Every structure is written in C-alpha cells, then in structure tokens.
Amino acid sequence: MKAPMYFDGARYDYVGALPVNPEAKILEIGCSNGATGALALSRGKCGVYCGVEISDRAAEIARQRITSVVQGDIEKIDLPWEPDTFDVLVLSEVLEHLVDPWTTLRKLRRAVKSGALVFASSPNVCQYRVLAMLLRGDWTLTDFGVMDRTHLRWFTPNTYAAMFASSGYVVDSVGELVPLGVMARLVNRATLGHLRHLFVRQIDLRAHCP
C-alpha cells in the first residue's frame, strides 16, 4: 500500500469519474510527476497510462510511476503512438500554457479512439476578481493562479468549450472545478444563472470524441 503522499497533486476527481477498466489506455498531457496516472493505475482504472511532460525533472519522476513518459513540448514533438490508441485524454491546467492549443487539440484527436473520454480544466479569465482588476485599469501577472505569468492563452467557459468543439470533440459539460460558495449560489439563483461565469475560478470541461 502506497502512502497518501505518493498521490499528492493527483486529480482525484478525474480518476473517480472513470470506470474500472484494466484494459483502458489513458494519455495525459502535462502529466507532471505522474501522480494522477499512478492513482488511476492503482485503482484499476486503466492498464496503460502514458504522459507527455515538458519538465525534465518531473518526467524523470513520472517514469517511475506510470507506463511511459515522453519528455518534450507537446506543440513541437511528434506523437509516438498509433492513431486511435487511447480511451481517455487528460488535459489538466495545460492548454493555457500553449501558443496554439487549437492545433494541439487537433493533433491529439488522432491519438484517441472514437468514444474516448476527455477531461480538461483551465483558469476562467472572466471570473469577477479579474474583471474587478480590469475596472481598476490593471492587469497584474502573478506566480500562480488565473494570472500566472506563464499563461499564453486565457479562456472563458464559453470560449473553452468552443475551442474543443472546433477541434473535433463533442463537449458534454462545462462547469466549475470547485463548487460555488454560498454567496455565489445566492447571486446565481437571483440572476437565473446568467452571471454564473463570474464565480467560476477554474473551468471544468468534460467531452468525448465522436
């Protein structure tokens, strides 16, 4: 039995949403240290978990935890897998770091099977705190969060979904990664859901491949 810290940073929500299937193959872009893949393998959610990771150090650690890791920039490398290989595609907090995520999504589409599940998340740029900053005439970058200085692209829930739809995926749902707080729920109810996007900090998208 592995210690809980072995899975620190894992996407428990994604792994929990997957059916038990020891025959499944999963591909994660930006797999970091392989924590999510290790969790999925340990719970029988797949038999093969592959990753792409740009960081040398993180890729080295991930290789000890998951089936295989390709170290490199997903926008520059050629995918080593045959078309229609994977049953699940995971893109956790990665597309906002790419120059051209649209082209990358189309490239990845070839690696996954028809019917494959897609899990993706990114920061929401139309969250009310960002809008308040803009109203002050500010656009301050930070070391983490929505305004992370390494982000090259920013999305709203609508534009995030549109990117996937235009790249060959069927979007099943777009929501918030973390449930709305009490005040946000009250405002959302009072405005009939029209301002829900203002309270979404992280976009949670689920899709599948046709």
C-alpha atoms as a PDB file:
ATOM      1  CA  MET A   1       0.000   0.000   0.000  1.00  0.00           C
ATOM      2  CA  LYS A   2       1.449   3.344  -1.089  1.00  0.00           C
ATOM      3  CA  ALA A   3       1.495   6.276   1.334  1.00  0.00           C
ATOM      4  CA  PRO A   4      -1.090   9.012   0.597  1.00  0.00           C
ATOM      5  CA  MET A   5       1.684  11.497  -0.208  1.00  0.00           C
ATOM      6  CA  TYR A   6       2.579   9.293  -3.202  1.00  0.00           C
ATOM      7  CA  PHE A   7      -0.542  10.663  -4.889  1.00  0.00           C
ATOM      8  CA  ASP A   8      -0.104  14.321  -3.860  1.00  0.00           C
ATOM      9  CA  GLY A   9      -1.300  16.537  -6.692  1.00  0.00           C
ATOM     10  CA  ALA A  10      -3.363  13.787  -8.326  1.00  0.00           C
ATOM     11  CA  ARG A  11      -6.677  14.632  -9.952  1.00  0.00           C
ATOM     12  CA  TYR A  12      -8.895  12.522  -7.721  1.00  0.00           C
ATOM     13  CA  ASP A  13     -11.987  13.983  -9.427  1.00  0.00           C
ATOM     14  CA  TYR A  14     -10.920  12.731 -12.843  1.00  0.00           C
ATOM     15  CA  VAL A  15      -9.842   9.305 -11.619  1.00  0.00           C
ATOM     16  CA  GLY A  16     -13.047   8.943  -9.608  1.00  0.00           C
ATOM     17  CA  ALA A  17     -15.146   9.645 -12.702  1.00  0.00           C
ATOM     18  CA  LEU A  18     -13.540   6.817 -14.673  1.00  0.00           C
ATOM     19  CA  PRO A  19     -14.962   3.300 -14.756  1.00  0.00           C
ATOM     20  CA  VAL A  20     -12.825   0.430 -13.564  1.00  0.00           C
ATOM     21  CA  ASN A  21     -11.233  -0.931 -16.729  1.00  0.00           C
ATOM     22  CA  PRO A  22      -7.810  -2.615 -16.551  1.00  0.00           C
ATOM     23  CA  GLU A  23      -7.764  -2.730 -20.362  1.00  0.00           C
ATOM     24  CA  ALA A  24      -8.073   1.035 -20.826  1.00  0.00           C
ATOM     25  CA  LYS A  25      -5.264   3.255 -22.069  1.00  0.00           C
ATOM     26  CA  ILE A  26      -5.010   6.842 -20.854  1.00  0.00           C
ATOM     27  CA  LEU A  27      -2.951   9.734 -22.209  1.00  0.00           C
ATOM     28  CA  GLU A  28      -2.215  12.785 -20.070  1.00  0.00           C
ATOM     29  CA  ILE A  29      -0.641  15.938 -21.479  1.00  0.00           C
ATOM     30  CA  GLY A  30       1.332  17.753 -18.811  1.00  0.00           C
ATOM     31  CA  CYS A  31       1.470  14.689 -16.568  1.00  0.00           C
ATOM     32  CA  SER A  32       3.859  16.388 -14.104  1.00  0.00           C
ATOM     33  CA  ASN A  33       5.250  13.817 -11.655  1.00  0.00           C
ATOM     34  CA  GLY A  34       2.760  11.135 -12.670  1.00  0.00           C
ATOM     35  CA  ALA A  35       0.586  11.327  -9.544  1.00  0.00           C
ATOM     36  CA  THR A  36      -2.719  11.166 -11.428  1.00  0.00           C
ATOM     37  CA  GLY A  37      -1.528   8.276 -13.544  1.00  0.00           C
ATOM     38  CA  ALA A  38      -0.253   6.379 -10.521  1.00  0.00           C
ATOM     39  CA  LEU A  39      -3.635   6.821  -8.837  1.00  0.00           C
ATOM     40  CA  ALA A  40      -5.519   5.633 -11.925  1.00  0.00           C
ATOM     41  CA  LEU A  41      -3.311   2.556 -12.238  1.00  0.00           C
ATOM     42  CA  SER A  42      -3.593   1.746  -8.530  1.00  0.00           C
ATOM     43  CA  ARG A  43      -7.399   1.860  -8.705  1.00  0.00           C
ATOM     44  CA  GLY A  44      -7.664  -0.311 -11.791  1.00  0.00           C
ATOM     45  CA  LYS A  45      -8.984   2.500 -13.980  1.00  0.00           C
ATOM     46  CA  CYS A  46      -6.523   1.574 -16.721  1.00  0.00           C
ATOM     47  CA  GLY A  47      -3.765  -0.850 -17.615  1.00  0.00           C
ATOM     48  CA  VAL A  48      -1.663   1.673 -19.528  1.00  0.00           C
ATOM     49  CA  TYR A  49      -1.089   5.308 -18.559  1.00  0.00           C
ATOM     50  CA  CYS A  50       1.131   7.437 -20.797  1.00  0.00           C
ATOM     51  CA  GLY A  51       2.164  11.030 -20.358  1.00  0.00           C
ATOM     52  CA  VAL A  52       3.812  13.971 -22.063  1.00  0.00           C
ATOM     53  CA  GLU A  53       5.745  16.339 -19.797  1.00  0.00           C
ATOM     54  CA  ILE A  54       7.927  19.326 -20.665  1.00  0.00           C
ATOM     55  CA  SER A  55       9.908  19.344 -17.398  1.00  0.00           C
ATOM     56  CA  ASP A  56      12.937  17.042 -17.319  1.00  0.00           C
ATOM     57  CA  ARG A  57      12.769  16.556 -13.555  1.00  0.00           C
ATOM     58  CA  ALA A  58       9.025  15.894 -13.424  1.00  0.00           C
ATOM     59  CA  ALA A  59       9.258  13.484 -16.370  1.00  0.00           C
ATOM     60  CA  GLU A  60      12.027  11.562 -14.597  1.00  0.00           C
ATOM     61  CA  ILE A  61       9.836  11.055 -11.533  1.00  0.00           C
ATOM     62  CA  ALA A  62       6.772  10.200 -13.625  1.00  0.00           C
ATOM     63  CA  ARG A  63       8.652   7.435 -15.460  1.00  0.00           C
ATOM     64  CA  GLN A  64       8.907   5.575 -12.156  1.00  0.00           C
ATOM     65  CA  ARG A  65       5.132   5.756 -11.626  1.00  0.00           C
ATOM     66  CA  ILE A  66       3.361   5.333 -14.960  1.00  0.00           C
ATOM     67  CA  THR A  67       3.725   3.228 -18.091  1.00  0.00           C
ATOM     68  CA  SER A  68       5.679   5.656 -20.272  1.00  0.00           C
ATOM     69  CA  VAL A  69       6.549   9.341 -20.482  1.00  0.00           C
ATOM     70  CA  VAL A  70       7.573  11.412 -23.478  1.00  0.00           C
ATOM     71  CA  GLN A  71       9.628  14.392 -22.360  1.00  0.00           C
ATOM     72  CA  GLY A  72       9.169  17.470 -24.518  1.00  0.00           C
ATOM     73  CA  ASP A  73       6.925  20.292 -25.683  1.00  0.00           C
ATOM     74  CA  ILE A  74       3.620  18.864 -26.927  1.00  0.00           C
ATOM     75  CA  GLU A  75       3.475  21.603 -29.568  1.00  0.00           C
ATOM     76  CA  LYS A  76       6.820  20.549 -31.056  1.00  0.00           C
ATOM     77  CA  ILE A  77       7.110  16.784 -30.661  1.00  0.00           C
ATOM     78  CA  ASP A  78       5.669  14.079 -32.887  1.00  0.00           C
ATOM     79  CA  LEU A  79       3.359  11.709 -31.048  1.00  0.00           C
ATOM     80  CA  PRO A  80       4.918   8.216 -30.883  1.00  0.00           C
ATOM     81  CA  TRP A  81       1.596   6.386 -30.647  1.00  0.00           C
ATOM     82  CA  GLU A  82      -0.551   4.905 -33.388  1.00  0.00           C
ATOM     83  CA  PRO A  83      -3.868   6.595 -34.240  1.00  0.00           C
ATOM     84  CA  ASP A  84      -6.863   5.517 -32.150  1.00  0.00           C
ATOM     85  CA  THR A  85      -4.715   4.283 -29.262  1.00  0.00           C
ATOM     86  CA  PHE A  86      -6.238   5.892 -26.160  1.00  0.00           C
ATOM     87  CA  ASP A  87      -9.558   5.578 -24.364  1.00  0.00           C
ATOM     88  CA  VAL A  88      -9.124   8.708 -22.238  1.00  0.00           C
ATOM     89  CA  LEU A  89      -7.379  12.065 -22.748  1.00  0.00           C
ATOM     90  CA  VAL A  90      -6.464  14.240 -19.744  1.00  0.00           C
ATOM     91  CA  LEU A  91      -5.550  17.928 -20.119  1.00  0.00           C
ATOM     92  CA  SER A  92      -5.339  19.386 -16.622  1.00  0.00           C
ATOM     93  CA  GLU A  93      -4.246  23.043 -16.472  1.00  0.00           C
ATOM     94  CA  VAL A  94      -2.136  22.797 -19.613  1.00  0.00           C
ATOM     95  CA  LEU A  95      -3.830  24.383 -22.648  1.00  0.00           C
ATOM     96  CA  GLU A  96      -3.446  27.908 -21.279  1.00  0.00           C
ATOM     97  CA  HIS A  97       0.342  27.465 -21.494  1.00  0.00           C
ATOM     98  CA  LEU A  98       0.370  26.709 -25.226  1.00  0.00           C
ATOM     99  CA  VAL A  99       0.923  29.056 -28.149  1.00  0.00           C
ATOM    100  CA  ASP A 100      -1.648  27.281 -30.314  1.00  0.00           C
ATOM    101  CA  PRO A 101      -3.860  24.947 -28.246  1.00  0.00           C
ATOM    102  CA  TRP A 102      -6.284  24.549 -31.170  1.00  0.00           C
ATOM    103  CA  THR A 103      -3.667  22.834 -33.319  1.00  0.00           C
ATOM    104  CA  THR A 104      -2.543  20.707 -30.376  1.00  0.00           C
ATOM    105  CA  LEU A 105      -6.102  19.523 -29.728  1.00  0.00           C
ATOM    106  CA  ARG A 106      -6.456  18.503 -33.368  1.00  0.00           C
ATOM    107  CA  LYS A 107      -3.146  16.654 -33.202  1.00  0.00           C
ATOM    108  CA  LEU A 108      -4.215  14.811 -30.063  1.00  0.00           C
ATOM    109  CA  ARG A 109      -7.575  13.916 -31.568  1.00  0.00           C
ATOM    110  CA  ARG A 110      -5.811  11.475 -33.883  1.00  0.00           C
ATOM    111  CA  ALA A 111      -4.306   9.582 -30.940  1.00  0.00           C
ATOM    112  CA  VAL A 112      -7.617   8.856 -29.206  1.00  0.00           C
ATOM    113  CA  LYS A 113     -10.390   6.448 -30.126  1.00  0.00           C
ATOM    114  CA  SER A 114     -13.910   7.272 -31.157  1.00  0.00           C
ATOM    115  CA  GLY A 115     -15.879   7.445 -27.928  1.00  0.00           C
ATOM    116  CA  ALA A 116     -12.811   8.336 -25.862  1.00  0.00           C
ATOM    117  CA  LEU A 117     -13.449  10.461 -22.769  1.00  0.00           C
ATOM    118  CA  VAL A 118     -11.802  13.869 -22.408  1.00  0.00           C
ATOM    119  CA  PHE A 119     -11.144  15.673 -19.116  1.00  0.00           C
ATOM    120  CA  ALA A 120      -9.804  19.233 -19.232  1.00  0.00           C
ATOM    121  CA  SER A 121      -9.504  22.251 -16.976  1.00  0.00           C
ATOM    122  CA  SER A 122      -8.142  25.787 -17.240  1.00  0.00           C
ATOM    123  CA  PRO A 123      -8.498  29.105 -15.374  1.00  0.00           C
ATOM    124  CA  ASN A 124     -11.501  31.319 -16.133  1.00  0.00           C
ATOM    125  CA  VAL A 125     -10.465  34.820 -17.186  1.00  0.00           C
ATOM    126  CA  CYS A 126     -13.964  36.292 -16.751  1.00  0.00           C
ATOM    127  CA  GLN A 127     -14.039  35.499 -13.035  1.00  0.00           C
ATOM    128  CA  TYR A 128     -15.223  38.558 -11.088  1.00  0.00           C
ATOM    129  CA  ARG A 129     -11.842  39.184  -9.435  1.00  0.00           C
ATOM    130  CA  VAL A 130     -10.200  39.533 -12.856  1.00  0.00           C
ATOM    131  CA  LEU A 131     -12.953  41.868 -14.048  1.00  0.00           C
ATOM    132  CA  ALA A 132     -12.536  43.989 -10.918  1.00  0.00           C
ATOM    133  CA  MET A 133      -8.839  44.274 -11.682  1.00  0.00           C
ATOM    134  CA  LEU A 134      -9.577  45.410 -15.226  1.00  0.00           C
ATOM    135  CA  LEU A 135     -12.030  48.020 -13.949  1.00  0.00           C
ATOM    136  CA  ARG A 136      -9.140  49.416 -11.914  1.00  0.00           C
ATOM    137  CA  GLY A 137      -7.101  49.665 -15.113  1.00  0.00           C
ATOM    138  CA  ASP A 138      -4.799  46.877 -14.006  1.00  0.00           C
ATOM    139  CA  TRP A 139      -3.500  43.613 -15.493  1.00  0.00           C
ATOM    140  CA  THR A 140      -1.054  42.234 -12.943  1.00  0.00           C
ATOM    141  CA  LEU A 141       0.603  38.889 -13.579  1.00  0.00           C
ATOM    142  CA  THR A 142       1.406  36.581 -10.673  1.00  0.00           C
ATOM    143  CA  ASP A 143       3.393  33.429  -9.958  1.00  0.00           C
ATOM    144  CA  PHE A 144       0.322  31.180  -9.881  1.00  0.00           C
ATOM    145  CA  GLY A 145      -3.451  31.194 -10.328  1.00  0.00           C
ATOM    146  CA  VAL A 146      -5.550  32.743 -13.069  1.00  0.00           C
ATOM    147  CA  MET A 147      -2.985  35.447 -13.782  1.00  0.00           C
ATOM    148  CA  ASP A 148       0.024  33.099 -13.829  1.00  0.00           C
ATOM    149  CA  ARG A 149       2.726  34.848 -15.845  1.00  0.00           C
ATOM    150  CA  THR A 150       3.430  31.640 -17.799  1.00  0.00           C
ATOM    151  CA  HIS A 151      -0.067  31.619 -19.309  1.00  0.00           C
ATOM    152  CA  LEU A 152      -0.146  32.417 -23.007  1.00  0.00           C
ATOM    153  CA  ARG A 153      -3.892  31.980 -23.517  1.00  0.00           C
ATOM    154  CA  TRP A 154      -6.922  32.916 -21.447  1.00  0.00           C
ATOM    155  CA  PHE A 155     -10.390  31.387 -21.691  1.00  0.00           C
ATOM    156  CA  THR A 156     -13.947  31.867 -20.534  1.00  0.00           C
ATOM    157  CA  PRO A 157     -16.195  28.814 -20.112  1.00  0.00           C
ATOM    158  CA  ASN A 158     -17.811  29.575 -23.478  1.00  0.00           C
ATOM    159  CA  THR A 159     -14.597  30.071 -25.427  1.00  0.00           C
ATOM    160  CA  TYR A 160     -13.022  27.000 -23.807  1.00  0.00           C
ATOM    161  CA  ALA A 161     -15.931  24.859 -24.958  1.00  0.00           C
ATOM    162  CA  ALA A 162     -15.847  26.441 -28.422  1.00  0.00           C
ATOM    163  CA  MET A 163     -12.161  25.576 -28.792  1.00  0.00           C
ATOM    164  CA  PHE A 164     -12.836  21.893 -28.154  1.00  0.00           C
ATOM    165  CA  ALA A 165     -15.902  21.846 -30.404  1.00  0.00           C
ATOM    166  CA  SER A 166     -13.989  23.425 -33.292  1.00  0.00           C
ATOM    167  CA  SER A 167     -11.139  20.932 -32.838  1.00  0.00           C
ATOM    168  CA  GLY A 168     -13.203  17.788 -33.345  1.00  0.00           C
ATOM    169  CA  TYR A 169     -14.569  16.991 -29.876  1.00  0.00           C
ATOM    170  CA  VAL A 170     -18.125  16.775 -28.560  1.00  0.00           C
ATOM    171  CA  VAL A 171     -18.463  18.855 -25.386  1.00  0.00           C
ATOM    172  CA  ASP A 172     -20.671  17.158 -22.805  1.00  0.00           C
ATOM    173  CA  SER A 173     -20.457  19.671 -19.968  1.00  0.00           C
ATOM    174  CA  VAL A 174     -18.705  22.873 -18.920  1.00  0.00           C
ATOM    175  CA  GLY A 175     -18.812  23.937 -15.299  1.00  0.00           C
ATOM    176  CA  GLU A 176     -16.763  24.908 -12.293  1.00  0.00           C
ATOM    177  CA  LEU A 177     -13.969  22.788 -10.894  1.00  0.00           C
ATOM    178  CA  VAL A 178     -14.808  23.821  -7.327  1.00  0.00           C
ATOM    179  CA  PRO A 179     -18.474  24.119  -6.267  1.00  0.00           C
ATOM    180  CA  LEU A 180     -19.798  27.659  -5.889  1.00  0.00           C
ATOM    181  CA  GLY A 181     -19.746  29.172  -2.418  1.00  0.00           C
ATOM    182  CA  VAL A 182     -22.867  30.182  -0.502  1.00  0.00           C
ATOM    183  CA  MET A 183     -22.909  33.811  -1.684  1.00  0.00           C
ATOM    184  CA  ALA A 184     -22.150  32.832  -5.263  1.00  0.00           C
ATOM    185  CA  ARG A 185     -25.014  30.337  -5.220  1.00  0.00           C
ATOM    186  CA  LEU A 186     -27.398  33.005  -3.926  1.00  0.00           C
ATOM    187  CA  VAL A 187     -26.360  35.502  -6.613  1.00  0.00           C
ATOM    188  CA  ASN A 188     -26.517  32.801  -9.254  1.00  0.00           C
ATOM    189  CA  ARG A 189     -30.041  31.880  -8.213  1.00  0.00           C
ATOM    190  CA  ALA A 190     -31.152  35.538  -8.108  1.00  0.00           C
ATOM    191  CA  THR A 191     -29.825  36.154 -11.625  1.00  0.00           C
ATOM    192  CA  LEU A 192     -31.270  32.915 -13.025  1.00  0.00           C
ATOM    193  CA  GLY A 193     -27.791  31.619 -13.788  1.00  0.00           C
ATOM    194  CA  HIS A 194     -26.939  34.400 -16.214  1.00  0.00           C
ATOM    195  CA  LEU A 195     -23.914  35.511 -14.181  1.00  0.00           C
ATOM    196  CA  ARG A 196     -22.650  32.079 -13.128  1.00  0.00           C
ATOM    197  CA  HIS A 197     -19.471  32.516 -15.186  1.00  0.00           C
ATOM    198  CA  LEU A 198     -18.384  35.361 -12.885  1.00  0.00           C
ATOM    199  CA  PHE A 199     -17.937  32.927  -9.988  1.00  0.00           C
ATOM    200  CA  VAL A 200     -16.124  30.140 -11.831  1.00  0.00           C
ATOM    201  CA  ARG A 201     -12.437  30.232 -10.941  1.00  0.00           C
ATOM    202  CA  GLN A 202     -11.377  27.068 -12.786  1.00  0.00           C
ATOM    203  CA  ILE A 203     -13.210  25.750 -15.840  1.00  0.00           C
ATOM    204  CA  ASP A 204     -14.042  22.041 -15.742  1.00  0.00           C
ATOM    205  CA  LEU A 205     -14.805  20.560 -19.169  1.00  0.00           C
ATOM    206  CA  ARG A 206     -15.874  17.013 -20.000  1.00  0.00           C
ATOM    207  CA  ALA A 207     -16.088  15.861 -23.604  1.00  0.00           C
ATOM    208  CA  HIS A 208     -15.834  12.801 -25.819  1.00  0.00           C
ATOM    209  CA  CYS A 209     -14.580  12.013 -29.275  1.00  0.00           C
ATOM    210  CA  PRO A 210     -17.193  11.295 -31.952  1.00  0.00           C
END
